[in-house]
Amino acid sequence: MPDTSQPIVSTPAAHSGFRDAVSEAGMVCLGFVPLGMGLGVLVTSHGLPWWLAPLLSGVVFAGSVEFILVGLLAASTPVLSIAATAFLVNSRHLFYGFSFPLERVNGPLAKTYSIYSLCDEAFALLSGHRGGKASSSQILWTQALLQISWVSGSVLGALLGSGFLGQVKGLGFLMVALFTILTIDAIRARPELSLVLCAAGAAVVALLIAPAQMLPIALGLFVVLLLARHWLEARRRRAAHGEAHHG
């Protein structure tokens, strides 16, 4: 059991973890700044106070739901409706805990922050083969740098305001481009064609069935396909084991 009386990370480990985090997540952090600026511009363009941008990006820190919350707050949506929407949009995070390396984070406070600051990009960078050797310090620094970049971008966008950046085209595509790059990196790290086909098939079917609810439907279909794939592989292994035993 780690000694929680000590700092979350020691100085040498912190330096090493910081360097590793910058090396692995530096470009994603840079991409977070213009994404955050888009949120800040959206806040001020809806007539909301500029300080709401860092409040949303720093406290909520949930990516796409923050953009949705801006419109809901501007329309004076009831609190229960806002809470239900936020839960549905972020329900995908419930599945992240299955493979996120939280067990390698040392100390209860550090684990609490890691759970709180878990976002899609942190999951993509730190889960699976790509983050298989990440230390506690690297995990925490990666998540902290992502949050700092996101908050900084939102403040910058809010201060510059919709008057300066509101006419810039393409800001809405930045998140799509970022996730495209992360997907390509994930495929390179684990080139399994069946996983790619399952994800692409789930997305296409969900888009055809209900475009407005594409994300939760696609995630649900993807989980079903993954379970079916796991069952088929387990059955194939049992059959191969049985043949080897009889042989």
C-alpha atoms as a PDB file:
ATOM      1  CA  MET A   1       0.000   0.000   0.000  1.00  0.00           C
ATOM      2  CA  PRO A   2       1.471   3.403  -0.950  1.00  0.00           C
ATOM      3  CA  ASP A   3       2.483   5.836   1.763  1.00  0.00           C
ATOM      4  CA  THR A   4      -0.133   8.556   1.469  1.00  0.00           C
ATOM      5  CA  SER A   5       1.720  10.786   3.906  1.00  0.00           C
ATOM      6  CA  GLN A   6       4.263  11.523   1.188  1.00  0.00           C
ATOM      7  CA  PRO A   7       3.628  13.832  -1.757  1.00  0.00           C
ATOM      8  CA  ILE A   8       1.693  12.330  -4.631  1.00  0.00           C
ATOM      9  CA  VAL A   9       4.883  11.987  -6.678  1.00  0.00           C
ATOM     10  CA  SER A  10       8.514  12.328  -5.684  1.00  0.00           C
ATOM     11  CA  THR A  11      10.661  14.948  -7.358  1.00  0.00           C
ATOM     12  CA  PRO A  12      12.712  12.627  -9.634  1.00  0.00           C
ATOM     13  CA  ALA A  13       9.612  10.673 -10.639  1.00  0.00           C
ATOM     14  CA  ALA A  14       7.710  13.905 -11.222  1.00  0.00           C
ATOM     15  CA  HIS A  15      10.409  15.207 -13.585  1.00  0.00           C
ATOM     16  CA  SER A  16      10.482  11.916 -15.487  1.00  0.00           C
ATOM     17  CA  GLY A  17       6.694  11.699 -15.587  1.00  0.00           C
ATOM     18  CA  PHE A  18       6.419  15.285 -16.801  1.00  0.00           C
ATOM     19  CA  ARG A  19       8.872  14.672 -19.648  1.00  0.00           C
ATOM     20  CA  ASP A  20       7.054  11.491 -20.667  1.00  0.00           C
ATOM     21  CA  ALA A  21       3.690  13.247 -20.520  1.00  0.00           C
ATOM     22  CA  VAL A  22       4.908  16.123 -22.690  1.00  0.00           C
ATOM     23  CA  SER A  23       6.462  13.687 -25.162  1.00  0.00           C
ATOM     24  CA  GLU A  24       3.325  11.545 -25.484  1.00  0.00           C
ATOM     25  CA  ALA A  25       0.580  14.142 -25.051  1.00  0.00           C
ATOM     26  CA  GLY A  26       2.214  17.435 -26.053  1.00  0.00           C
ATOM     27  CA  MET A  27       0.589  17.669 -29.486  1.00  0.00           C
ATOM     28  CA  VAL A  28      -2.818  16.763 -28.073  1.00  0.00           C
ATOM     29  CA  CYS A  29      -2.419  19.478 -25.440  1.00  0.00           C
ATOM     30  CA  LEU A  30      -1.618  21.992 -28.170  1.00  0.00           C
ATOM     31  CA  GLY A  31      -4.742  20.874 -29.985  1.00  0.00           C
ATOM     32  CA  PHE A  32      -6.769  21.410 -26.827  1.00  0.00           C
ATOM     33  CA  VAL A  33      -6.022  25.148 -26.847  1.00  0.00           C
ATOM     34  CA  PRO A  34      -7.948  26.009 -30.055  1.00  0.00           C
ATOM     35  CA  LEU A  35     -10.681  23.577 -29.009  1.00  0.00           C
ATOM     36  CA  GLY A  36     -11.018  25.411 -25.713  1.00  0.00           C
ATOM     37  CA  MET A  37     -11.017  28.712 -27.573  1.00  0.00           C
ATOM     38  CA  GLY A  38     -14.053  27.475 -29.476  1.00  0.00           C
ATOM     39  CA  LEU A  39     -15.836  26.932 -26.166  1.00  0.00           C
ATOM     40  CA  GLY A  40     -14.892  30.403 -24.959  1.00  0.00           C
ATOM     41  CA  VAL A  41     -16.167  31.992 -28.168  1.00  0.00           C
ATOM     42  CA  LEU A  42     -19.406  30.045 -27.872  1.00  0.00           C
ATOM     43  CA  VAL A  43     -19.933  31.271 -24.303  1.00  0.00           C
ATOM     44  CA  THR A  44     -19.577  34.960 -25.140  1.00  0.00           C
ATOM     45  CA  SER A  45     -21.527  34.653 -28.407  1.00  0.00           C
ATOM     46  CA  HIS A  46     -24.527  33.439 -26.372  1.00  0.00           C
ATOM     47  CA  GLY A  47     -24.362  36.575 -24.233  1.00  0.00           C
ATOM     48  CA  LEU A  48     -23.058  34.726 -21.181  1.00  0.00           C
ATOM     49  CA  PRO A  49     -20.309  36.196 -18.946  1.00  0.00           C
ATOM     50  CA  TRP A  50     -16.728  35.370 -19.951  1.00  0.00           C
ATOM     51  CA  TRP A  51     -15.925  33.735 -16.591  1.00  0.00           C
ATOM     52  CA  LEU A  52     -18.417  30.965 -17.348  1.00  0.00           C
ATOM     53  CA  ALA A  53     -15.919  29.560 -19.875  1.00  0.00           C
ATOM     54  CA  PRO A  54     -13.168  28.705 -17.350  1.00  0.00           C
ATOM     55  CA  LEU A  55     -15.837  27.624 -14.856  1.00  0.00           C
ATOM     56  CA  LEU A  56     -17.241  25.070 -17.308  1.00  0.00           C
ATOM     57  CA  SER A  57     -13.885  23.938 -18.653  1.00  0.00           C
ATOM     58  CA  GLY A  58     -12.247  23.712 -15.224  1.00  0.00           C
ATOM     59  CA  VAL A  59     -15.064  22.281 -13.088  1.00  0.00           C
ATOM     60  CA  VAL A  60     -17.116  20.256 -15.555  1.00  0.00           C
ATOM     61  CA  PHE A  61     -14.173  19.269 -17.790  1.00  0.00           C
ATOM     62  CA  ALA A  62     -16.262  16.932 -19.909  1.00  0.00           C
ATOM     63  CA  GLY A  63     -15.558  17.997 -23.484  1.00  0.00           C
ATOM     64  CA  SER A  64     -18.612  17.869 -25.717  1.00  0.00           C
ATOM     65  CA  VAL A  65     -21.121  18.251 -22.874  1.00  0.00           C
ATOM     66  CA  GLU A  66     -19.679  21.691 -22.108  1.00  0.00           C
ATOM     67  CA  PHE A  67     -20.702  22.914 -25.566  1.00  0.00           C
ATOM     68  CA  ILE A  68     -24.190  21.517 -24.964  1.00  0.00           C
ATOM     69  CA  LEU A  69     -24.387  23.141 -21.531  1.00  0.00           C
ATOM     70  CA  VAL A  70     -23.734  26.579 -23.023  1.00  0.00           C
ATOM     71  CA  GLY A  71     -26.896  26.380 -25.113  1.00  0.00           C
ATOM     72  CA  LEU A  72     -28.894  24.912 -22.244  1.00  0.00           C
ATOM     73  CA  LEU A  73     -27.769  27.639 -19.844  1.00  0.00           C
ATOM     74  CA  ALA A  74     -28.463  30.365 -22.382  1.00  0.00           C
ATOM     75  CA  ALA A  75     -31.998  28.980 -22.816  1.00  0.00           C
ATOM     76  CA  SER A  76     -32.560  28.815 -19.019  1.00  0.00           C
ATOM     77  CA  THR A  77     -33.167  25.062 -19.174  1.00  0.00           C
ATOM     78  CA  PRO A  78     -34.337  23.445 -15.891  1.00  0.00           C
ATOM     79  CA  VAL A  79     -31.605  21.942 -13.737  1.00  0.00           C
ATOM     80  CA  LEU A  80     -33.017  18.402 -13.927  1.00  0.00           C
ATOM     81  CA  SER A  81     -32.989  18.504 -17.718  1.00  0.00           C
ATOM     82  CA  ILE A  82     -29.402  19.742 -17.711  1.00  0.00           C
ATOM     83  CA  ALA A  83     -28.373  16.973 -15.301  1.00  0.00           C
ATOM     84  CA  ALA A  84     -30.095  14.281 -17.382  1.00  0.00           C
ATOM     85  CA  THR A  85     -28.478  15.530 -20.584  1.00  0.00           C
ATOM     86  CA  ALA A  86     -25.028  15.647 -19.001  1.00  0.00           C
ATOM     87  CA  PHE A  87     -25.434  12.102 -17.660  1.00  0.00           C
ATOM     88  CA  LEU A  88     -26.535  10.680 -21.011  1.00  0.00           C
ATOM     89  CA  VAL A  89     -23.772  12.378 -22.982  1.00  0.00           C
ATOM     90  CA  ASN A  90     -21.077  11.316 -20.496  1.00  0.00           C
ATOM     91  CA  SER A  91     -22.400   7.804 -19.881  1.00  0.00           C
ATOM     92  CA  ARG A  92     -19.622   6.486 -22.138  1.00  0.00           C
ATOM     93  CA  HIS A  93     -17.172   7.250 -19.300  1.00  0.00           C
ATOM     94  CA  LEU A  94     -18.716   4.396 -17.320  1.00  0.00           C
ATOM     95  CA  PHE A  95     -16.966   1.967 -19.661  1.00  0.00           C
ATOM     96  CA  TYR A  96     -13.583   3.685 -19.470  1.00  0.00           C
ATOM     97  CA  GLY A  97     -12.879   2.310 -16.001  1.00  0.00           C
ATOM     98  CA  PHE A  98     -12.575  -1.228 -17.379  1.00  0.00           C
ATOM     99  CA  SER A  99      -9.240  -0.516 -19.083  1.00  0.00           C
ATOM    100  CA  PHE A 100      -7.952   2.789 -17.709  1.00  0.00           C
ATOM    101  CA  PRO A 101      -4.790   2.109 -15.627  1.00  0.00           C
ATOM    102  CA  LEU A 102      -6.087   3.658 -12.398  1.00  0.00           C
ATOM    103  CA  GLU A 103      -4.380   0.920 -10.371  1.00  0.00           C
ATOM    104  CA  ARG A 104      -0.992   2.417 -11.299  1.00  0.00           C
ATOM    105  CA  VAL A 105      -1.873   5.809  -9.792  1.00  0.00           C
ATOM    106  CA  ASN A 106      -0.429   6.098  -6.285  1.00  0.00           C
ATOM    107  CA  GLY A 107      -2.370   7.603  -3.381  1.00  0.00           C
ATOM    108  CA  PRO A 108      -6.084   8.240  -2.751  1.00  0.00           C
ATOM    109  CA  LEU A 109      -5.932  11.951  -3.630  1.00  0.00           C
ATOM    110  CA  ALA A 110      -4.123  11.218  -6.870  1.00  0.00           C
ATOM    111  CA  LYS A 111      -6.651   8.507  -7.746  1.00  0.00           C
ATOM    112  CA  THR A 112      -9.515  10.894  -7.013  1.00  0.00           C
ATOM    113  CA  TYR A 113      -8.071  13.529  -9.342  1.00  0.00           C
ATOM    114  CA  SER A 114      -7.373  10.925 -12.018  1.00  0.00           C
ATOM    115  CA  ILE A 115     -10.996   9.750 -11.913  1.00  0.00           C
ATOM    116  CA  TYR A 116     -12.273  13.327 -12.010  1.00  0.00           C
ATOM    117  CA  SER A 117     -10.052  14.420 -14.907  1.00  0.00           C
ATOM    118  CA  LEU A 118     -10.551  11.338 -17.069  1.00  0.00           C
ATOM    119  CA  CYS A 119     -11.565  12.481 -20.539  1.00  0.00           C
ATOM    120  CA  ASP A 120     -11.681  10.849 -23.964  1.00  0.00           C
ATOM    121  CA  GLU A 121      -8.218  12.021 -24.940  1.00  0.00           C
ATOM    122  CA  ALA A 122      -6.625  10.894 -21.669  1.00  0.00           C
ATOM    123  CA  PHE A 123      -8.254   7.500 -22.106  1.00  0.00           C
ATOM    124  CA  ALA A 124      -6.938   7.226 -25.670  1.00  0.00           C
ATOM    125  CA  LEU A 125      -3.424   8.240 -24.622  1.00  0.00           C
ATOM    126  CA  LEU A 126      -3.118   6.129 -21.468  1.00  0.00           C
ATOM    127  CA  SER A 127      -5.154   2.982 -22.065  1.00  0.00           C
ATOM    128  CA  GLY A 128      -4.189  -0.177 -23.902  1.00  0.00           C
ATOM    129  CA  HIS A 129      -0.761  -0.832 -25.386  1.00  0.00           C
ATOM    130  CA  ARG A 130       0.014   2.841 -25.886  1.00  0.00           C
ATOM    131  CA  GLY A 131      -0.053   3.667 -22.177  1.00  0.00           C
ATOM    132  CA  GLY A 132       0.878   0.226 -20.920  1.00  0.00           C
ATOM    133  CA  LYS A 133       4.106   1.426 -19.282  1.00  0.00           C
ATOM    134  CA  ALA A 134       2.905   4.826 -18.060  1.00  0.00           C
ATOM    135  CA  SER A 135       3.926   5.598 -14.485  1.00  0.00           C
ATOM    136  CA  SER A 136       1.715   7.197 -11.860  1.00  0.00           C
ATOM    137  CA  SER A 137       3.462  10.509 -12.411  1.00  0.00           C
ATOM    138  CA  GLN A 138       3.060  10.345 -16.192  1.00  0.00           C
ATOM    139  CA  ILE A 139      -0.645   9.542 -15.900  1.00  0.00           C
ATOM    140  CA  LEU A 140      -1.267  12.463 -13.554  1.00  0.00           C
ATOM    141  CA  TRP A 141       0.842  14.909 -15.565  1.00  0.00           C
ATOM    142  CA  THR A 142      -0.901  13.881 -18.783  1.00  0.00           C
ATOM    143  CA  GLN A 143      -4.323  14.532 -17.296  1.00  0.00           C
ATOM    144  CA  ALA A 144      -3.216  17.777 -15.625  1.00  0.00           C
ATOM    145  CA  LEU A 145      -1.646  19.137 -18.827  1.00  0.00           C
ATOM    146  CA  LEU A 146      -4.763  18.291 -20.819  1.00  0.00           C
ATOM    147  CA  GLN A 147      -6.955  20.127 -18.316  1.00  0.00           C
ATOM    148  CA  ILE A 148      -4.626  23.134 -18.139  1.00  0.00           C
ATOM    149  CA  SER A 149      -4.585  23.383 -21.939  1.00  0.00           C
ATOM    150  CA  TRP A 150      -8.359  23.120 -22.134  1.00  0.00           C
ATOM    151  CA  VAL A 151      -8.971  25.772 -19.481  1.00  0.00           C
ATOM    152  CA  SER A 152      -6.329  28.101 -20.948  1.00  0.00           C
ATOM    153  CA  GLY A 153      -7.899  27.857 -24.389  1.00  0.00           C
ATOM    154  CA  SER A 154     -11.381  28.581 -23.060  1.00  0.00           C
ATOM    155  CA  VAL A 155     -10.164  31.666 -21.198  1.00  0.00           C
ATOM    156  CA  LEU A 156      -8.341  32.923 -24.278  1.00  0.00           C
ATOM    157  CA  GLY A 157     -11.389  32.375 -26.476  1.00  0.00           C
ATOM    158  CA  ALA A 158     -13.698  34.096 -24.003  1.00  0.00           C
ATOM    159  CA  LEU A 159     -11.409  37.114 -23.651  1.00  0.00           C
ATOM    160  CA  LEU A 160     -10.910  37.502 -27.383  1.00  0.00           C
ATOM    161  CA  GLY A 161     -14.656  37.159 -27.765  1.00  0.00           C
ATOM    162  CA  SER A 162     -16.937  36.247 -30.591  1.00  0.00           C
ATOM    163  CA  GLY A 163     -16.231  39.554 -32.334  1.00  0.00           C
ATOM    164  CA  PHE A 164     -12.662  38.533 -33.202  1.00  0.00           C
ATOM    165  CA  LEU A 165     -12.934  34.747 -33.553  1.00  0.00           C
ATOM    166  CA  GLY A 166     -16.612  34.296 -34.266  1.00  0.00           C
ATOM    167  CA  GLN A 167     -16.088  34.516 -38.036  1.00  0.00           C
ATOM    168  CA  VAL A 168     -13.230  32.010 -38.149  1.00  0.00           C
ATOM    169  CA  LYS A 169     -14.369  28.965 -40.110  1.00  0.00           C
ATOM    170  CA  GLY A 170     -13.370  25.431 -39.203  1.00  0.00           C
ATOM    171  CA  LEU A 171     -13.265  25.701 -35.410  1.00  0.00           C
ATOM    172  CA  GLY A 172     -16.072  23.192 -35.155  1.00  0.00           C
ATOM    173  CA  PHE A 173     -14.039  20.595 -37.058  1.00  0.00           C
ATOM    174  CA  LEU A 174     -11.079  20.711 -34.665  1.00  0.00           C
ATOM    175  CA  MET A 175     -12.481  18.089 -32.291  1.00  0.00           C
ATOM    176  CA  VAL A 176     -13.302  15.763 -35.198  1.00  0.00           C
ATOM    177  CA  ALA A 177      -9.756  16.144 -36.537  1.00  0.00           C
ATOM    178  CA  LEU A 178      -8.268  15.497 -33.094  1.00  0.00           C
ATOM    179  CA  PHE A 179     -10.230  12.289 -32.594  1.00  0.00           C
ATOM    180  CA  THR A 180      -9.349  11.169 -36.118  1.00  0.00           C
ATOM    181  CA  ILE A 181      -5.656  11.479 -35.293  1.00  0.00           C
ATOM    182  CA  LEU A 182      -6.094   9.632 -31.983  1.00  0.00           C
ATOM    183  CA  THR A 183      -7.971   6.860 -33.788  1.00  0.00           C
ATOM    184  CA  ILE A 184      -5.196   6.480 -36.352  1.00  0.00           C
ATOM    185  CA  ASP A 185      -2.604   6.297 -33.565  1.00  0.00           C
ATOM    186  CA  ALA A 186      -4.682   3.680 -31.724  1.00  0.00           C
ATOM    187  CA  ILE A 187      -4.951   1.555 -34.871  1.00  0.00           C
ATOM    188  CA  ARG A 188      -1.212   1.779 -35.425  1.00  0.00           C
ATOM    189  CA  ALA A 189      -0.551   0.723 -31.828  1.00  0.00           C
ATOM    190  CA  ARG A 190      -2.999  -2.202 -32.074  1.00  0.00           C
ATOM    191  CA  PRO A 191      -3.735  -3.027 -35.723  1.00  0.00           C
ATOM    192  CA  GLU A 192      -6.746  -5.330 -35.293  1.00  0.00           C
ATOM    193  CA  LEU A 193      -9.006  -5.100 -38.324  1.00  0.00           C
ATOM    194  CA  SER A 194     -11.979  -6.676 -36.542  1.00  0.00           C
ATOM    195  CA  LEU A 195     -12.055  -3.877 -33.945  1.00  0.00           C
ATOM    196  CA  VAL A 196     -11.949  -1.216 -36.658  1.00  0.00           C
ATOM    197  CA  LEU A 197     -14.752  -2.906 -38.591  1.00  0.00           C
ATOM    198  CA  CYS A 198     -16.874  -3.255 -35.435  1.00  0.00           C
ATOM    199  CA  ALA A 199     -16.453   0.438 -34.572  1.00  0.00           C
ATOM    200  CA  ALA A 200     -17.093   1.624 -38.126  1.00  0.00           C
ATOM    201  CA  GLY A 201     -20.096  -0.672 -38.545  1.00  0.00           C
ATOM    202  CA  ALA A 202     -21.652   0.452 -35.265  1.00  0.00           C
ATOM    203  CA  ALA A 203     -21.197   4.109 -36.236  1.00  0.00           C
ATOM    204  CA  VAL A 204     -22.750   3.655 -39.693  1.00  0.00           C
ATOM    205  CA  VAL A 205     -25.751   1.694 -38.378  1.00  0.00           C
ATOM    206  CA  ALA A 206     -26.370   4.246 -35.612  1.00  0.00           C
ATOM    207  CA  LEU A 207     -26.132   7.101 -38.102  1.00  0.00           C
ATOM    208  CA  LEU A 208     -28.703   5.438 -40.357  1.00  0.00           C
ATOM    209  CA  ILE A 209     -31.088   4.515 -37.527  1.00  0.00           C
ATOM    210  CA  ALA A 210     -31.085   7.726 -35.466  1.00  0.00           C
ATOM    211  CA  PRO A 211     -28.689  10.501 -36.516  1.00  0.00           C
ATOM    212  CA  ALA A 212     -29.718  12.706 -33.576  1.00  0.00           C
ATOM    213  CA  GLN A 213     -28.809   9.959 -31.055  1.00  0.00           C
ATOM    214  CA  MET A 214     -25.904   8.529 -33.019  1.00  0.00           C
ATOM    215  CA  LEU A 215     -23.304   8.502 -30.225  1.00  0.00           C
ATOM    216  CA  PRO A 216     -25.119   6.491 -27.486  1.00  0.00           C
ATOM    217  CA  ILE A 217     -26.550   4.052 -30.043  1.00  0.00           C
ATOM    218  CA  ALA A 218     -23.156   3.535 -31.675  1.00  0.00           C
ATOM    219  CA  LEU A 219     -21.509   2.942 -28.307  1.00  0.00           C
ATOM    220  CA  GLY A 220     -24.202   0.446 -27.332  1.00  0.00           C
ATOM    221  CA  LEU A 221     -23.861  -1.438 -30.621  1.00  0.00           C
ATOM    222  CA  PHE A 222     -20.097  -1.439 -30.290  1.00  0.00           C
ATOM    223  CA  VAL A 223     -20.329  -2.998 -26.816  1.00  0.00           C
ATOM    224  CA  VAL A 224     -22.662  -5.705 -28.171  1.00  0.00           C
ATOM    225  CA  LEU A 225     -20.248  -6.427 -31.039  1.00  0.00           C
ATOM    226  CA  LEU A 226     -17.301  -6.597 -28.656  1.00  0.00           C
ATOM    227  CA  LEU A 227     -19.158  -9.059 -26.420  1.00  0.00           C
ATOM    228  CA  ALA A 228     -20.057 -11.183 -29.445  1.00  0.00           C
ATOM    229  CA  ARG A 229     -16.449 -11.071 -30.634  1.00  0.00           C
ATOM    230  CA  HIS A 230     -15.215 -12.128 -27.198  1.00  0.00           C
ATOM    231  CA  TRP A 231     -17.711 -15.008 -27.090  1.00  0.00           C
ATOM    232  CA  LEU A 232     -16.662 -16.256 -30.543  1.00  0.00           C
ATOM    233  CA  GLU A 233     -12.977 -16.089 -29.666  1.00  0.00           C
ATOM    234  CA  ALA A 234     -13.556 -17.936 -26.381  1.00  0.00           C
ATOM    235  CA  ARG A 235     -15.548 -20.611 -28.207  1.00  0.00           C
ATOM    236  CA  ARG A 236     -12.815 -20.964 -30.819  1.00  0.00           C
ATOM    237  CA  ARG A 237     -10.165 -21.326 -28.112  1.00  0.00           C
ATOM    238  CA  ARG A 238     -12.198 -24.005 -26.334  1.00  0.00           C
ATOM    239  CA  ALA A 239     -12.639 -25.904 -29.601  1.00  0.00           C
ATOM    240  CA  ALA A 240      -8.922 -25.691 -30.363  1.00  0.00           C
ATOM    241  CA  HIS A 241      -8.086 -26.832 -26.828  1.00  0.00           C
ATOM    242  CA  GLY A 242     -10.481 -29.763 -27.138  1.00  0.00           C
ATOM    243  CA  GLU A 243      -8.949 -30.859 -30.443  1.00  0.00           C
ATOM    244  CA  ALA A 244      -5.446 -30.660 -28.992  1.00  0.00           C
ATOM    245  CA  HIS A 245      -6.537 -32.659 -25.940  1.00  0.00           C
ATOM    246  CA  HIS A 246      -8.123 -35.425 -28.020  1.00  0.00           C
ATOM    247  CA  GLY A 247      -5.165 -35.427 -30.410  1.00  0.00           C
END
